[in-house]
Structures are given as C-alpha cells and as structure tokens.
Amino acid sequence: MHNIYPVEILSLSLRAKGMGLYSLIQSAAGTVQQYGIAVGFEKIGYKLWVVYIIYNTIQLGLSYFCFPETSALSLEEIDSVFETPGVKPVKMSLDIKKARKEHDRLEAEVALHGTPVV
C-alpha cells in the first residue's frame, strides 16, 4: 500500500518526478537493509528484531499523525488538500470529511422532512 500513497497525493505534473524520487529512496533503504542486516545480526543478534519493532512503531505513529487521510476523498479534493498554500493537509482533509458528513446529514433530513432541521 505504501507505493500507492505517493501516486495518490502527487499532482499529474509532479507524479513522474515524485515517483522517481520515491523509487530512489526506497531502493537505497532496501539496499541498506539487505546488506546491513547481516552486520546487525553479527553485532546484536536476535535483538535486531527489537530495533525493527521500535522503528516500525515510530513510523506507524508518524504516519497516523502526519499523513492526511485520503480514503474517501475525490481526486479534486485530494488535490486541494495538498496544493492549497498555507493550509495544513491533515487538518484540511479532516475538515473536508466533517463537511461531507454534515452535508450528508442535511440531505437525509431534507429527504425525510422536506426541509433541514436546524
């Protein structure tokens, strides 16, 4: 899934360059991990898994708090989340979801009662 996120958030004009940079960073990290794991096992043994667990936990926390949620947003909304200057993307994505939920609630009230109940 981590390969999908950069494609989803980059605008069309930046997608090729962004994915090229992403691929370079992923390849470098994979190379370091591939060749460094033998040294790690040699130095600290099975405790290397503790290092991986801590690293992945930190990465999960940072992803949860720093990456905007894009699962229910349209492409235009995602574009506005990342391309609007001076706006925090996480806050904007949450505001869009909140506005959509309120809009759906009002539509349901109109369908039920004919007018929105305030």
Protein backbone atom coordinates (compact mmCIF):
# COMPACT_ATOMS: atom_id res chain seq x y z
CA MET A 1 0.00 0.00 0.00
CA HIS A 2 2.88 2.40 0.61
CA ASN A 3 3.51 2.52 -3.14
CA ILE A 4 0.02 3.87 -3.78
CA TYR A 5 0.17 6.87 -1.44
CA PRO A 6 2.71 8.98 -3.43
CA VAL A 7 0.82 8.37 -6.66
CA GLU A 8 -2.42 9.37 -4.96
CA ILE A 9 -1.19 12.64 -3.46
CA LEU A 10 1.04 13.96 -6.26
CA SER A 11 -0.48 16.12 -8.96
CA LEU A 12 -0.15 14.93 -12.54
CA SER A 13 2.68 17.35 -13.32
CA LEU A 14 4.75 16.10 -10.36
CA ARG A 15 3.86 12.41 -10.42
CA ALA A 16 6.76 11.12 -12.54
CA LYS A 17 9.39 13.15 -10.69
CA GLY A 18 7.91 12.29 -7.29
CA MET A 19 7.74 8.57 -8.04
CA GLY A 20 11.30 8.66 -9.36
CA LEU A 21 12.49 10.18 -6.08
CA TYR A 22 10.34 7.76 -4.10
CA SER A 23 11.80 4.79 -6.00
CA LEU A 24 15.34 6.05 -5.41
CA ILE A 25 14.76 6.41 -1.66
CA GLN A 26 13.01 3.02 -1.43
CA SER A 27 15.83 1.33 -3.34
CA ALA A 28 18.51 2.94 -1.16
CA ALA A 29 16.67 1.92 2.02
CA GLY A 30 16.24 -1.63 0.69
CA THR A 31 19.92 -1.86 -0.15
CA VAL A 32 20.96 -0.66 3.30
CA GLN A 33 18.59 -3.13 4.90
CA GLN A 34 19.66 -6.03 2.67
CA TYR A 35 23.38 -5.61 3.30
CA GLY A 36 23.15 -4.15 6.80
CA ILE A 37 21.06 -6.89 8.36
CA ALA A 38 24.00 -9.31 8.37
CA VAL A 39 26.12 -6.77 10.25
CA GLY A 40 23.25 -6.12 12.66
CA PHE A 41 22.79 -9.81 13.44
CA GLU A 42 26.53 -10.17 13.91
CA LYS A 43 26.68 -7.22 16.33
CA ILE A 44 23.48 -7.55 18.40
CA GLY A 45 21.97 -10.88 17.36
CA TYR A 46 18.27 -11.50 17.78
CA LYS A 47 17.86 -8.10 19.48
CA LEU A 48 17.85 -6.64 15.98
CA TRP A 49 14.15 -7.53 15.85
CA VAL A 50 13.57 -5.18 18.78
CA VAL A 51 15.18 -2.41 16.74
CA TYR A 52 12.82 -3.21 13.85
CA ILE A 53 9.79 -3.25 16.13
CA ILE A 54 10.69 0.12 17.65
CA TYR A 55 11.41 1.64 14.22
CA ASN A 56 8.14 0.36 12.75
CA THR A 57 6.16 1.58 15.76
CA ILE A 58 7.63 5.06 15.41
CA GLN A 59 6.95 5.02 11.67
CA LEU A 60 3.35 3.92 12.25
CA GLY A 61 2.79 6.73 14.76
CA LEU A 62 4.28 9.34 12.44
CA SER A 63 2.18 8.06 9.54
CA TYR A 64 -1.00 8.18 11.61
CA PHE A 65 -0.46 11.73 12.85
CA CYS A 66 1.32 13.31 9.85
CA PHE A 67 -0.25 11.76 6.74
CA PRO A 68 -3.65 13.10 5.72
CA GLU A 69 -6.44 10.57 5.29
CA THR A 70 -7.37 10.29 1.63
CA SER A 71 -9.56 7.17 1.55
CA ALA A 72 -12.96 8.82 0.98
CA LEU A 73 -11.84 11.94 -0.89
CA SER A 74 -12.25 12.58 -4.59
CA LEU A 75 -9.18 13.32 -6.71
CA GLU A 76 -10.12 17.00 -6.80
CA GLU A 77 -10.39 17.10 -3.01
CA ILE A 78 -7.05 15.34 -2.61
CA ASP A 79 -5.51 17.86 -4.99
CA SER A 80 -6.92 20.75 -2.95
CA VAL A 81 -5.65 19.19 0.30
CA PHE A 82 -2.07 19.08 -0.95
CA GLU A 83 -1.96 22.05 -3.32
CA THR A 84 -3.60 24.77 -1.19
CA PRO A 85 -0.82 27.03 0.14
CA GLY A 86 -0.72 27.84 3.83
CA VAL A 87 -3.07 25.05 4.89
CA LYS A 88 -2.14 22.01 6.96
CA PRO A 89 -3.09 18.95 4.86
CA VAL A 90 -4.12 16.76 7.83
CA LYS A 91 -6.47 19.44 9.19
CA MET A 92 -7.91 20.18 5.75
CA SER A 93 -8.64 16.53 4.99
CA LEU A 94 -10.43 16.19 8.34
CA ASP A 95 -12.40 19.39 7.66
CA ILE A 96 -13.49 18.08 4.25
CA LYS A 97 -14.66 14.80 5.79
CA LYS A 98 -16.52 16.69 8.53
CA ALA A 99 -18.20 18.94 5.94
CA ARG A 100 -19.16 15.93 3.83
CA LYS A 101 -20.69 14.20 6.86
CA GLU A 102 -22.70 17.35 7.70
CA HIS A 103 -23.81 17.64 4.06
CA ASP A 104 -24.99 14.02 4.05
CA ARG A 105 -26.85 14.59 7.33
CA LEU A 106 -28.63 17.64 5.88
CA GLU A 107 -29.51 15.77 2.70
CA ALA A 108 -31.00 12.93 4.75
CA GLU A 109 -33.09 15.43 6.76
CA VAL A 110 -34.33 17.11 3.57
CA ALA A 111 -35.27 13.73 2.12
CA LEU A 112 -37.09 12.81 5.35
CA HIS A 113 -38.77 16.09 6.30
CA GLY A 114 -38.62 18.22 3.17
CA THR A 115 -36.54 20.92 4.90
CA PRO A 116 -33.41 20.74 7.04
CA VAL A 117 -33.97 20.78 10.77
CA VAL A 118 -31.63 23.28 12.45
